[in-house]
C-alpha atoms as a PDB file:
ATOM      1  CA  MET A   1     -20.841-108.499 -69.500  1.00  0.00           C
ATOM      2  CA  LYS A   2     -17.681-108.814 -66.895  1.00  0.00           C
ATOM      3  CA  VAL A   3     -17.002-112.348 -65.373  1.00  0.00           C
ATOM      4  CA  SER A   4     -14.421-113.056 -62.966  1.00  0.00           C
ATOM      5  CA  VAL A   5     -12.444-116.685 -62.962  1.00  0.00           C
ATOM      6  CA  LEU A   6     -10.412-116.961 -59.674  1.00  0.00           C
ATOM      7  CA  GLY A   7      -7.803-119.395 -60.300  1.00  0.00           C
ATOM      8  CA  ALA A   8      -5.667-120.104 -63.338  1.00  0.00           C
ATOM      9  CA  GLY A   9      -4.963-123.699 -63.346  1.00  0.00           C
ATOM     10  CA  SER A  10      -6.069-125.965 -66.395  1.00  0.00           C
ATOM     11  CA  PHE A  11      -9.683-126.062 -65.338  1.00  0.00           C
ATOM     12  CA  GLY A  12     -10.181-122.397 -64.244  1.00  0.00           C
ATOM     13  CA  THR A  13      -8.368-121.292 -67.603  1.00  0.00           C
ATOM     14  CA  ALA A  14     -10.478-123.927 -69.521  1.00  0.00           C
ATOM     15  CA  LEU A  15     -13.557-122.446 -68.574  1.00  0.00           C
ATOM     16  CA  ALA A  16     -12.420-118.937 -68.687  1.00  0.00           C
ATOM     17  CA  ASN A  17     -11.928-119.958 -72.433  1.00  0.00           C
ATOM     18  CA  VAL A  18     -15.413-121.110 -72.461  1.00  0.00           C
ATOM     19  CA  LEU A  19     -17.126-117.717 -71.305  1.00  0.00           C
ATOM     20  CA  GLY A  20     -14.602-115.794 -73.411  1.00  0.00           C
ATOM     21  CA  ASP A  21     -15.974-117.767 -76.533  1.00  0.00           C
ATOM     22  CA  LYS A  22     -19.370-116.471 -75.313  1.00  0.00           C
ATOM     23  CA  GLY A  23     -18.288-113.024 -75.713  1.00  0.00           C
ATOM     24  CA  TYR A  24     -17.918-111.790 -72.099  1.00  0.00           C
ATOM     25  CA  ASN A  25     -15.190-109.866 -70.678  1.00  0.00           C
ATOM     26  CA  VAL A  26     -13.443-112.399 -68.537  1.00  0.00           C
ATOM     27  CA  TYR A  27     -10.869-111.605 -65.846  1.00  0.00           C
ATOM     28  CA  LEU A  28      -8.758-114.389 -64.799  1.00  0.00           C
ATOM     29  CA  TYR A  29      -6.971-114.243 -61.327  1.00  0.00           C
ATOM     30  CA  ALA A  30      -3.659-115.621 -60.962  1.00  0.00           C
ATOM     31  CA  ARG A  31      -1.268-115.189 -58.063  1.00  0.00           C
ATOM     32  CA  ARG A  32       1.897-115.150 -59.929  1.00  0.00           C
ATOM     33  CA  LYS A  33       3.203-112.376 -62.216  1.00  0.00           C
ATOM     34  CA  GLU A  34       4.813-114.480 -64.706  1.00  0.00           C
ATOM     35  CA  LEU A  35       1.677-116.621 -65.430  1.00  0.00           C
ATOM     36  CA  VAL A  36      -0.318-113.414 -65.831  1.00  0.00           C
ATOM     37  CA  ASP A  37       2.082-111.969 -68.082  1.00  0.00           C
ATOM     38  CA  SER A  38       2.405-115.121 -70.206  1.00  0.00           C
ATOM     39  CA  ILE A  39      -1.525-114.904 -70.713  1.00  0.00           C
ATOM     40  CA  ASN A  40      -1.834-111.338 -71.430  1.00  0.00           C
ATOM     41  CA  GLN A  41       1.075-111.389 -73.839  1.00  0.00           C
ATOM     42  CA  ASN A  42       1.047-114.583 -75.563  1.00  0.00           C
ATOM     43  CA  GLN A  43      -2.848-115.625 -74.836  1.00  0.00           C
ATOM     44  CA  GLU A  44      -1.400-118.776 -73.533  1.00  0.00           C
ATOM     45  CA  ASN A  45      -1.239-120.510 -70.176  1.00  0.00           C
ATOM     46  CA  ILE A  46       2.410-121.914 -70.436  1.00  0.00           C
ATOM     47  CA  GLU A  47       2.244-123.630 -66.959  1.00  0.00           C
ATOM     48  CA  TYR A  48      -1.086-125.498 -67.409  1.00  0.00           C
ATOM     49  CA  LEU A  49      -2.364-125.318 -70.962  1.00  0.00           C
ATOM     50  CA  LYS A  50       0.684-124.792 -73.065  1.00  0.00           C
ATOM     51  CA  GLY A  51       0.238-124.548 -76.819  1.00  0.00           C
ATOM     52  CA  TYR A  52      -3.279-123.601 -76.508  1.00  0.00           C
ATOM     53  CA  LYS A  53      -4.240-120.060 -77.656  1.00  0.00           C
ATOM     54  CA  LEU A  54      -6.958-118.256 -75.521  1.00  0.00           C
ATOM     55  CA  SER A  55      -9.625-116.032 -76.105  1.00  0.00           C
ATOM     56  CA  GLU A  56      -8.907-112.577 -76.595  1.00  0.00           C
ATOM     57  CA  ASN A  57     -11.483-111.584 -74.227  1.00  0.00           C
ATOM     58  CA  ILE A  58      -9.640-112.964 -71.263  1.00  0.00           C
ATOM     59  CA  LYS A  59      -7.345-110.644 -69.370  1.00  0.00           C
ATOM     60  CA  ALA A  60      -5.358-112.172 -66.593  1.00  0.00           C
ATOM     61  CA  THR A  61      -4.520-110.311 -63.308  1.00  0.00           C
ATOM     62  CA  ASN A  62      -3.050-110.828 -59.888  1.00  0.00           C
ATOM     63  CA  HIS A  63      -5.008-107.898 -58.597  1.00  0.00           C
ATOM     64  CA  LEU A  64      -8.048-109.683 -56.948  1.00  0.00           C
ATOM     65  CA  GLU A  65      -9.773-106.185 -56.354  1.00  0.00           C
ATOM     66  CA  GLU A  66      -9.647-105.389 -60.043  1.00  0.00           C
ATOM     67  CA  CYS A  67     -10.894-108.779 -61.038  1.00  0.00           C
ATOM     68  CA  LEU A  68     -13.899-108.801 -58.967  1.00  0.00           C
ATOM     69  CA  GLN A  69     -14.910-104.970 -59.212  1.00  0.00           C
ATOM     70  CA  ASN A  70     -18.153-104.763 -61.081  1.00  0.00           C
ATOM     71  CA  THR A  71     -18.452-108.406 -61.966  1.00  0.00           C
ATOM     72  CA  LYS A  72     -21.770-110.220 -62.781  1.00  0.00           C
ATOM     73  CA  MET A  73     -20.324-113.436 -62.176  1.00  0.00           C
ATOM     74  CA  ILE A  74     -17.692-115.302 -59.810  1.00  0.00           C
ATOM     75  CA  VAL A  75     -16.315-118.787 -60.726  1.00  0.00           C
ATOM     76  CA  LEU A  76     -14.250-120.333 -57.867  1.00  0.00           C
ATOM     77  CA  ALA A  77     -11.678-122.369 -59.416  1.00  0.00           C
ATOM     78  CA  ILE A  78      -9.378-122.831 -56.211  1.00  0.00           C
ATOM     79  CA  PRO A  79      -8.492-126.164 -54.850  1.00  0.00           C
ATOM     80  CA  THR A  80     -10.451-127.531 -52.243  1.00  0.00           C
ATOM     81  CA  GLN A  81      -7.803-127.993 -49.595  1.00  0.00           C
ATOM     82  CA  ASN A  82      -6.979-123.965 -49.980  1.00  0.00           C
ATOM     83  CA  LEU A  83     -10.591-122.820 -50.396  1.00  0.00           C
ATOM     84  CA  SER A  84     -11.614-122.055 -46.571  1.00  0.00           C
ATOM     85  CA  LYS A  85      -8.333-120.146 -46.267  1.00  0.00           C
ATOM     86  CA  PHE A  86      -8.891-118.007 -49.463  1.00  0.00           C
ATOM     87  CA  ILE A  87     -12.436-117.396 -48.860  1.00  0.00           C
ATOM     88  CA  ASN A  88     -11.856-116.237 -45.179  1.00  0.00           C
ATOM     89  CA  GLU A  89      -9.056-113.944 -46.391  1.00  0.00           C
ATOM     90  CA  TYR A  90     -10.992-112.194 -49.418  1.00  0.00           C
ATOM     91  CA  ARG A  91     -14.649-112.634 -49.041  1.00  0.00           C
ATOM     92  CA  TYR A  92     -14.807-109.191 -48.352  1.00  0.00           C
ATOM     93  CA  LEU A  93     -14.215-108.367 -51.994  1.00  0.00           C
ATOM     94  CA  PHE A  94     -16.912-110.418 -53.260  1.00  0.00           C
ATOM     95  CA  PRO A  95     -19.777-108.417 -54.712  1.00  0.00           C
ATOM     96  CA  GLU A  96     -23.470-109.186 -53.851  1.00  0.00           C
ATOM     97  CA  ASN A  97     -26.316-110.574 -55.386  1.00  0.00           C
ATOM     98  CA  ILE A  98     -24.450-112.391 -58.325  1.00  0.00           C
ATOM     99  CA  PRO A  99     -23.937-116.111 -58.874  1.00  0.00           C
ATOM    100  CA  ILE A 100     -20.737-117.522 -57.176  1.00  0.00           C
ATOM    101  CA  VAL A 101     -19.925-120.920 -59.229  1.00  0.00           C
ATOM    102  CA  CYS A 102     -17.813-123.283 -57.361  1.00  0.00           C
ATOM    103  CA  VAL A 103     -15.700-125.724 -59.369  1.00  0.00           C
ATOM    104  CA  ALA A 104     -13.792-127.377 -57.048  1.00  0.00           C
ATOM    105  CA  LYS A 105     -14.007-131.115 -56.135  1.00  0.00           C
ATOM    106  CA  GLY A 106     -13.002-132.971 -53.049  1.00  0.00           C
ATOM    107  CA  ILE A 107     -13.350-133.320 -49.281  1.00  0.00           C
ATOM    108  CA  GLU A 108     -11.689-130.804 -46.988  1.00  0.00           C
ATOM    109  CA  GLU A 109      -8.882-132.977 -44.710  1.00  0.00           C
ATOM    110  CA  HIS A 110      -9.324-133.002 -40.874  1.00  0.00           C
ATOM    111  CA  THR A 111     -12.916-131.115 -41.130  1.00  0.00           C
ATOM    112  CA  LEU A 112     -14.447-133.583 -43.802  1.00  0.00           C
ATOM    113  CA  ARG A 113     -16.393-131.108 -45.090  1.00  0.00           C
ATOM    114  CA  LEU A 114     -17.719-131.051 -48.831  1.00  0.00           C
ATOM    115  CA  VAL A 115     -17.030-127.845 -50.847  1.00  0.00           C
ATOM    116  CA  SER A 116     -20.379-126.805 -50.605  1.00  0.00           C
ATOM    117  CA  GLU A 117     -20.243-127.320 -46.925  1.00  0.00           C
ATOM    118  CA  ILE A 118     -17.281-124.936 -46.817  1.00  0.00           C
ATOM    119  CA  LEU A 119     -19.121-122.062 -48.733  1.00  0.00           C
ATOM    120  CA  GLU A 120     -22.256-122.403 -46.656  1.00  0.00           C
ATOM    121  CA  GLU A 121     -20.344-122.057 -43.578  1.00  0.00           C
ATOM    122  CA  GLU A 122     -17.639-119.682 -44.414  1.00  0.00           C
ATOM    123  CA  LEU A 123     -19.448-117.126 -46.701  1.00  0.00           C
ATOM    124  CA  PRO A 124     -22.243-114.597 -44.842  1.00  0.00           C
ATOM    125  CA  GLY A 125     -26.001-115.556 -45.421  1.00  0.00           C
ATOM    126  CA  LYS A 126     -26.437-112.722 -48.097  1.00  0.00           C
ATOM    127  CA  TYR A 127     -24.312-114.998 -50.731  1.00  0.00           C
ATOM    128  CA  GLN A 128     -26.075-118.272 -50.045  1.00  0.00           C
ATOM    129  CA  LYS A 129     -29.034-118.339 -52.671  1.00  0.00           C
ATOM    130  CA  TYR A 130     -26.482-117.370 -55.343  1.00  0.00           C
ATOM    131  CA  LEU A 131     -24.258-120.569 -54.985  1.00  0.00           C
ATOM    132  CA  CYS A 132     -23.808-123.094 -57.808  1.00  0.00           C
ATOM    133  CA  TYR A 133     -21.616-125.931 -58.296  1.00  0.00           C
ATOM    134  CA  LEU A 134     -20.369-127.094 -61.902  1.00  0.00           C
ATOM    135  CA  SER A 135     -19.248-130.626 -62.199  1.00  0.00           C
ATOM    136  CA  GLY A 136     -19.425-133.530 -64.954  1.00  0.00           C
ATOM    137  CA  PRO A 137     -17.002-135.308 -67.271  1.00  0.00           C
ATOM    138  CA  SER A 138     -14.643-132.701 -68.578  1.00  0.00           C
ATOM    139  CA  PHE A 139     -10.790-132.678 -69.074  1.00  0.00           C
ATOM    140  CA  ALA A 140      -9.457-129.149 -69.344  1.00  0.00           C
ATOM    141  CA  LYS A 141      -7.482-130.121 -72.284  1.00  0.00           C
ATOM    142  CA  GLU A 142     -10.542-131.270 -74.259  1.00  0.00           C
ATOM    143  CA  ILE A 143     -12.692-127.995 -73.424  1.00  0.00           C
ATOM    144  CA  ILE A 144      -9.975-125.861 -74.514  1.00  0.00           C
ATOM    145  CA  GLN A 145      -9.963-127.660 -78.064  1.00  0.00           C
ATOM    146  CA  ARG A 146     -13.598-127.016 -77.937  1.00  0.00           C
ATOM    147  CA  ILE A 147     -14.577-130.891 -78.088  1.00  0.00           C
ATOM    148  CA  PRO A 148     -17.878-131.421 -77.163  1.00  0.00           C
ATOM    149  CA  THR A 149     -18.451-131.562 -73.291  1.00  0.00           C
ATOM    150  CA  LEU A 150     -21.344-131.934 -70.954  1.00  0.00           C
ATOM    151  CA  VAL A 151     -21.618-130.857 -67.445  1.00  0.00           C
ATOM    152  CA  SER A 152     -23.968-130.051 -64.472  1.00  0.00           C
ATOM    153  CA  ILE A 153     -24.915-127.147 -62.790  1.00  0.00           C
ATOM    154  CA  ALA A 154     -26.225-128.029 -59.233  1.00  0.00           C
ATOM    155  CA  SER A 155     -27.764-125.139 -57.139  1.00  0.00           C
ATOM    156  CA  LYS A 156     -30.457-124.912 -54.327  1.00  0.00           C
ATOM    157  CA  ASN A 157     -31.749-121.991 -56.189  1.00  0.00           C
ATOM    158  CA  GLU A 158     -33.649-122.907 -59.662  1.00  0.00           C
ATOM    159  CA  GLU A 159     -33.439-119.191 -60.711  1.00  0.00           C
ATOM    160  CA  ILE A 160     -29.710-118.926 -60.426  1.00  0.00           C
ATOM    161  CA  ALA A 161     -29.138-122.408 -61.551  1.00  0.00           C
ATOM    162  CA  LYS A 162     -30.965-121.590 -64.894  1.00  0.00           C
ATOM    163  CA  GLN A 163     -29.091-118.264 -65.111  1.00  0.00           C
ATOM    164  CA  VAL A 164     -25.508-120.066 -64.846  1.00  0.00           C
ATOM    165  CA  GLN A 165     -26.527-122.876 -67.298  1.00  0.00           C
ATOM    166  CA  GLN A 166     -27.047-119.949 -69.732  1.00  0.00           C
ATOM    167  CA  TYR A 167     -23.979-118.110 -68.979  1.00  0.00           C
ATOM    168  CA  PHE A 168     -21.929-121.329 -69.745  1.00  0.00           C
ATOM    169  CA  TYR A 169     -23.831-123.181 -72.772  1.00  0.00           C
ATOM    170  CA  THR A 170     -22.022-122.877 -75.952  1.00  0.00           C
ATOM    171  CA  SER A 171     -22.064-124.737 -79.333  1.00  0.00           C
ATOM    172  CA  TYR A 172     -19.329-127.374 -77.518  1.00  0.00           C
ATOM    173  CA  PHE A 173     -20.235-126.807 -73.920  1.00  0.00           C
ATOM    174  CA  ARG A 174     -23.660-128.213 -72.881  1.00  0.00           C
ATOM    175  CA  THR A 175     -25.026-127.333 -69.636  1.00  0.00           C
ATOM    176  CA  TYR A 176     -28.023-129.175 -67.559  1.00  0.00           C
ATOM    177  CA  TRP A 177     -29.067-127.994 -64.276  1.00  0.00           C
ATOM    178  CA  LEU A 178     -30.240-130.023 -61.009  1.00  0.00           C
ATOM    179  CA  ASP A 179     -31.092-129.438 -57.386  1.00  0.00           C
ATOM    180  CA  ASP A 180     -28.909-132.087 -55.753  1.00  0.00           C
ATOM    181  CA  VAL A 181     -25.907-130.067 -54.512  1.00  0.00           C
ATOM    182  CA  ILE A 182     -24.732-132.995 -51.914  1.00  0.00           C
ATOM    183  CA  GLY A 183     -25.033-135.693 -54.814  1.00  0.00           C
ATOM    184  CA  VAL A 184     -23.172-133.661 -57.245  1.00  0.00           C
ATOM    185  CA  GLU A 185     -20.445-132.913 -54.613  1.00  0.00           C
ATOM    186  CA  ILE A 186     -19.864-136.568 -53.312  1.00  0.00           C
ATOM    187  CA  GLY A 187     -19.859-137.966 -57.064  1.00  0.00           C
ATOM    188  CA  GLY A 188     -16.964-135.171 -57.872  1.00  0.00           C
ATOM    189  CA  ALA A 189     -15.323-136.199 -55.035  1.00  0.00           C
ATOM    190  CA  LEU A 190     -15.160-139.590 -54.565  1.00  0.00           C
ATOM    191  CA  LYS A 191     -14.776-140.269 -58.432  1.00  0.00           C
ATOM    192  CA  ASN A 192     -11.147-139.108 -58.016  1.00  0.00           C
ATOM    193  CA  VAL A 193     -10.456-141.851 -55.121  1.00  0.00           C
ATOM    194  CA  ILE A 194     -11.962-144.613 -57.595  1.00  0.00           C
ATOM    195  CA  ALA A 195      -9.931-143.269 -60.367  1.00  0.00           C
ATOM    196  CA  ILE A 196      -6.828-143.762 -58.344  1.00  0.00           C
ATOM    197  CA  ALA A 197      -7.808-147.590 -57.956  1.00  0.00           C
ATOM    198  CA  CYS A 198      -8.250-147.984 -61.464  1.00  0.00           C
ATOM    199  CA  GLY A 199      -5.084-146.445 -62.299  1.00  0.00           C
ATOM    200  CA  VAL A 200      -3.211-148.926 -59.835  1.00  0.00           C
ATOM    201  CA  SER A 201      -5.332-151.780 -61.581  1.00  0.00           C
ATOM    202  CA  ASP A 202      -3.958-150.695 -64.941  1.00  0.00           C
ATOM    203  CA  GLY A 203      -0.519-150.216 -63.616  1.00  0.00           C
ATOM    204  CA  LEU A 204      -0.246-153.675 -62.521  1.00  0.00           C
ATOM    205  CA  GLY A 205      -1.535-154.920 -65.677  1.00  0.00           C
ATOM    206  CA  LEU A 206      -4.711-156.611 -64.418  1.00  0.00           C
ATOM    207  CA  GLY A 207      -6.981-155.745 -67.575  1.00  0.00           C
ATOM    208  CA  HIS A 208     -10.249-154.478 -68.300  1.00  0.00           C
ATOM    209  CA  ASN A 209     -12.404-156.905 -66.263  1.00  0.00           C
ATOM    210  CA  THR A 210     -10.887-155.477 -63.167  1.00  0.00           C
ATOM    211  CA  ARG A 211     -11.189-151.757 -64.269  1.00  0.00           C
ATOM    212  CA  ALA A 212     -14.697-152.394 -64.853  1.00  0.00           C
ATOM    213  CA  ALA A 213     -15.277-154.106 -61.523  1.00  0.00           C
ATOM    214  CA  LEU A 214     -13.783-151.424 -59.745  1.00  0.00           C
ATOM    215  CA  ILE A 215     -15.777-148.914 -61.769  1.00  0.00           C
ATOM    216  CA  THR A 216     -18.827-150.500 -60.865  1.00  0.00           C
ATOM    217  CA  ARG A 217     -18.291-151.474 -57.109  1.00  0.00           C
ATOM    218  CA  GLY A 218     -16.889-147.939 -56.797  1.00  0.00           C
ATOM    219  CA  LEU A 219     -20.084-146.287 -58.106  1.00  0.00           C
ATOM    220  CA  ALA A 220     -21.820-148.386 -55.332  1.00  0.00           C
ATOM    221  CA  GLU A 221     -19.658-147.000 -52.639  1.00  0.00           C
ATOM    222  CA  ILE A 222     -20.282-143.486 -54.027  1.00  0.00           C
ATOM    223  CA  GLN A 223     -23.742-143.853 -53.917  1.00  0.00           C
ATOM    224  CA  ARG A 224     -23.701-145.602 -50.319  1.00  0.00           C
ATOM    225  CA  LEU A 225     -21.902-142.404 -48.928  1.00  0.00           C
ATOM    226  CA  GLY A 226     -23.813-140.021 -50.659  1.00  0.00           C
ATOM    227  CA  VAL A 227     -27.560-141.380 -49.695  1.00  0.00           C
ATOM    228  CA  LYS A 228     -26.002-141.294 -46.144  1.00  0.00           C
ATOM    229  CA  LYS A 229     -25.252-137.585 -46.484  1.00  0.00           C
ATOM    230  CA  GLY A 230     -28.920-136.954 -48.059  1.00  0.00           C
ATOM    231  CA  ALA A 231     -28.332-137.122 -51.701  1.00  0.00           C
ATOM    232  CA  ASN A 232     -30.661-138.575 -54.359  1.00  0.00           C
ATOM    233  CA  PRO A 233     -29.681-141.825 -55.481  1.00  0.00           C
ATOM    234  CA  MET A 234     -30.524-141.027 -59.330  1.00  0.00           C
ATOM    235  CA  THR A 235     -27.783-138.075 -59.289  1.00  0.00           C
ATOM    236  CA  PHE A 236     -25.210-140.891 -59.242  1.00  0.00           C
ATOM    237  CA  LEU A 237     -26.490-142.331 -62.643  1.00  0.00           C
ATOM    238  CA  GLY A 238     -25.922-138.818 -64.474  1.00  0.00           C
ATOM    239  CA  LEU A 239     -23.029-136.767 -65.475  1.00  0.00           C
ATOM    240  CA  THR A 240     -21.818-136.007 -62.187  1.00  0.00           C
ATOM    241  CA  GLY A 241     -21.757-139.339 -60.898  1.00  0.00           C
ATOM    242  CA  LEU A 242     -21.365-142.135 -63.376  1.00  0.00           C
ATOM    243  CA  GLY A 243     -20.280-139.770 -66.404  1.00  0.00           C
ATOM    244  CA  ASP A 244     -17.334-138.419 -64.465  1.00  0.00           C
ATOM    245  CA  LEU A 245     -16.685-141.614 -62.834  1.00  0.00           C
ATOM    246  CA  VAL A 246     -16.047-143.295 -66.149  1.00  0.00           C
ATOM    247  CA  LEU A 247     -13.856-140.518 -67.811  1.00  0.00           C
ATOM    248  CA  THR A 248     -11.645-140.075 -64.796  1.00  0.00           C
ATOM    249  CA  CYS A 249     -11.378-143.811 -64.152  1.00  0.00           C
ATOM    250  CA  THR A 250     -10.199-144.167 -68.082  1.00  0.00           C
ATOM    251  CA  GLY A 251      -8.829-141.371 -69.441  1.00  0.00           C
ATOM    252  CA  GLU A 252      -5.384-140.910 -69.850  1.00  0.00           C
ATOM    253  CA  LEU A 253      -5.549-137.156 -69.058  1.00  0.00           C
ATOM    254  CA  SER A 254      -6.573-137.943 -65.479  1.00  0.00           C
ATOM    255  CA  ARG A 255      -4.154-136.849 -62.975  1.00  0.00           C
ATOM    256  CA  ASN A 256      -5.829-139.113 -60.345  1.00  0.00           C
ATOM    257  CA  ARG A 257      -5.652-142.379 -62.570  1.00  0.00           C
ATOM    258  CA  THR A 258      -1.866-141.169 -63.235  1.00  0.00           C
ATOM    259  CA  VAL A 259      -1.216-141.209 -59.527  1.00  0.00           C
ATOM    260  CA  GLY A 260      -2.671-144.966 -59.404  1.00  0.00           C
ATOM    261  CA  PHE A 261      -0.763-146.064 -62.515  1.00  0.00           C
ATOM    262  CA  GLN A 262       2.288-144.902 -61.178  1.00  0.00           C
ATOM    263  CA  LEU A 263       1.757-146.817 -57.688  1.00  0.00           C
ATOM    264  CA  GLY A 264       0.967-149.807 -59.484  1.00  0.00           C
ATOM    265  CA  LYS A 265       4.270-149.384 -61.600  1.00  0.00           C
ATOM    266  CA  GLY A 266       6.048-149.355 -58.144  1.00  0.00           C
ATOM    267  CA  LYS A 267       6.787-145.735 -57.698  1.00  0.00           C
ATOM    268  CA  LYS A 268       6.620-144.025 -54.207  1.00  0.00           C
ATOM    269  CA  LEU A 269       3.651-141.278 -53.446  1.00  0.00           C
ATOM    270  CA  ASP A 270       6.095-138.411 -53.099  1.00  0.00           C
ATOM    271  CA  GLU A 271       7.881-139.162 -56.052  1.00  0.00           C
ATOM    272  CA  ILE A 272       4.746-139.054 -58.188  1.00  0.00           C
ATOM    273  CA  ILE A 273       3.476-135.944 -56.693  1.00  0.00           C
ATOM    274  CA  LYS A 274       6.720-134.131 -57.606  1.00  0.00           C
ATOM    275  CA  GLU A 275       6.551-135.332 -61.110  1.00  0.00           C
ATOM    276  CA  LEU A 276       2.772-134.451 -61.626  1.00  0.00           C
ATOM    277  CA  HIS A 277       3.321-130.498 -60.730  1.00  0.00           C
ATOM    278  CA  GLN A 278      -0.665-130.269 -60.298  1.00  0.00           C
ATOM    279  CA  VAL A 279      -3.094-131.188 -57.527  1.00  0.00           C
ATOM    280  CA  ALA A 280      -4.446-134.507 -57.803  1.00  0.00           C
ATOM    281  CA  GLU A 281      -7.397-134.270 -55.025  1.00  0.00           C
ATOM    282  CA  GLY A 282      -8.077-137.941 -54.838  1.00  0.00           C
ATOM    283  CA  VAL A 283      -4.855-138.114 -52.619  1.00  0.00           C
ATOM    284  CA  TYR A 284      -6.466-136.041 -50.154  1.00  0.00           C
ATOM    285  CA  THR A 285      -9.748-137.125 -50.944  1.00  0.00           C
ATOM    286  CA  ALA A 286      -8.827-140.677 -50.034  1.00  0.00           C
ATOM    287  CA  ARG A 287      -8.163-140.216 -46.386  1.00  0.00           C
ATOM    288  CA  SER A 288     -11.054-137.853 -45.997  1.00  0.00           C
ATOM    289  CA  ALA A 289     -13.581-140.287 -47.353  1.00  0.00           C
ATOM    290  CA  TYR A 290     -12.080-143.054 -45.612  1.00  0.00           C
ATOM    291  CA  ASP A 291     -12.462-140.901 -42.179  1.00  0.00           C
ATOM    292  CA  LEU A 292     -16.177-140.391 -43.263  1.00  0.00           C
ATOM    293  CA  SER A 293     -16.941-144.146 -43.937  1.00  0.00           C
ATOM    294  CA  LYS A 294     -15.712-144.791 -40.179  1.00  0.00           C
ATOM    295  CA  LYS A 295     -18.009-142.042 -39.164  1.00  0.00           C
ATOM    296  CA  PHE A 296     -21.120-143.022 -40.797  1.00  0.00           C
ATOM    297  CA  ASP A 297     -20.177-146.952 -40.372  1.00  0.00           C
ATOM    298  CA  ILE A 298     -20.436-147.426 -44.076  1.00  0.00           C
ATOM    299  CA  GLU A 299     -18.427-150.217 -46.016  1.00  0.00           C
ATOM    300  CA  MET A 300     -16.278-148.728 -48.537  1.00  0.00           C
ATOM    301  CA  PRO A 301     -13.281-151.440 -49.384  1.00  0.00           C
ATOM    302  CA  ILE A 302     -12.443-149.784 -52.476  1.00  0.00           C
ATOM    303  CA  THR A 303     -11.816-146.569 -50.619  1.00  0.00           C
ATOM    304  CA  GLU A 304     -10.109-148.170 -47.732  1.00  0.00           C
ATOM    305  CA  SER A 305      -7.915-149.889 -49.970  1.00  0.00           C
ATOM    306  CA  VAL A 306      -6.683-146.528 -51.631  1.00  0.00           C
ATOM    307  CA  TYR A 307      -6.287-145.244 -48.351  1.00  0.00           C
ATOM    308  CA  LYS A 308      -4.229-148.023 -47.290  1.00  0.00           C
ATOM    309  CA  MET A 309      -1.787-147.771 -50.078  1.00  0.00           C
ATOM    310  CA  LEU A 310      -1.446-143.995 -49.748  1.00  0.00           C
ATOM    311  CA  TYR A 311      -1.307-143.634 -46.231  1.00  0.00           C
ATOM    312  CA  GLU A 312       0.080-146.843 -44.817  1.00  0.00           C
ATOM    313  CA  ASN A 313       2.344-148.058 -47.601  1.00  0.00           C
ATOM    314  CA  ILE A 314       0.496-151.409 -48.174  1.00  0.00           C
ATOM    315  CA  PRO A 315       1.735-152.993 -51.276  1.00  0.00           C
ATOM    316  CA  PRO A 316      -1.022-152.833 -54.210  1.00  0.00           C
ATOM    317  CA  ASN A 317      -0.814-156.542 -55.024  1.00  0.00           C
ATOM    318  CA  GLU A 318      -1.546-157.323 -51.266  1.00  0.00           C
ATOM    319  CA  ILE A 319      -4.422-155.051 -51.515  1.00  0.00           C
ATOM    320  CA  VAL A 320      -5.900-156.925 -54.517  1.00  0.00           C
ATOM    321  CA  LYS A 321      -5.417-160.166 -52.678  1.00  0.00           C
ATOM    322  CA  LYS A 322      -7.438-158.882 -49.738  1.00  0.00           C
ATOM    323  CA  LEU A 323     -10.266-157.218 -52.060  1.00  0.00           C
ATOM    324  CA  MET A 324     -10.670-160.487 -53.865  1.00  0.00           C
ATOM    325  CA  GLN A 325     -10.670-162.755 -50.412  1.00  0.00           C
ATOM    326  CA  ARG A 326     -13.660-160.544 -49.035  1.00  0.00           C
ATOM    327  CA  GLU A 327     -16.559-162.318 -47.663  1.00  0.00           C
ATOM    328  CA  LEU A 328     -19.093-163.424 -50.471  1.00  0.00           C
ATOM    329  CA  LYS A 329     -22.269-161.590 -50.253  1.00  0.00           C
ATOM    330  CA  LYS A 330     -25.578-160.501 -52.276  1.00  0.00           C
ATOM    331  CA  GLU A 331     -24.871-157.736 -54.831  1.00  0.00           C
ATOM    332  CA  PHE A 332     -27.529-155.708 -53.975  1.00  0.00           C
END
């Protein structure tokens, strides 16, 4: 069976490897020829997953038509901020009646659309029943090492969700399914913002107490916005809520935590992003989540604090002081 992964970043490549381990013929789309050549000649993504051998069942290509022809599943691993442009440019190549699995996490700037809202608005109706969203606590470097990992597959179509669940399931990659697309999307997007806050805390040397408080109160903010958007509050206690939040806020492989850590150490955002060489979606999502909190009149003090550090250059120590001096109130 042929499957197609669009986007050869670290996560797209890691998922391609999972599918390759299943014995599928995986076509991995990358824009740049040098990356395609690296994968095809050396079985290695030298830019994003250097040092890890990829499945022999993976073929990289920079020809999207070749990638999508006769495929039985599309995995969209395109960054959130580029997703709408990509779909509008290439949707005419998408085959019909096959699962489309999006793994992007974030909120589109300016429009404030979740990834699911982008796909539902930009793809024709004939594709809608086949849309799925993969999310959960999963660092690419651990997936590629075949370390046991659990994720969720969300779709409004139970049949398609279960089909995709089976496609991805391996001895080290376990999949659950659920129908709360909005909850999965909100959890996957906002955990990156809270991870920046936790990174700042760690960079300032504030300790475990502060980090635990940020994770807990951050989860409350995520749940607050999610419920307002129509999500099931229980979703945020699962893999794509609490699970992904804990991983991203505490793991040293987290790009978003790294951004926050360097901010806490006094580095400027431009310098951090330049050194990172990869997308940290939380930087974009912080502004979009802040705008959503104002739109829906929801109290999200941690999200607001991250926004002010990133976009108003408020010093982290000043932010901590303001958070601690907020009005006392009941927890629930």
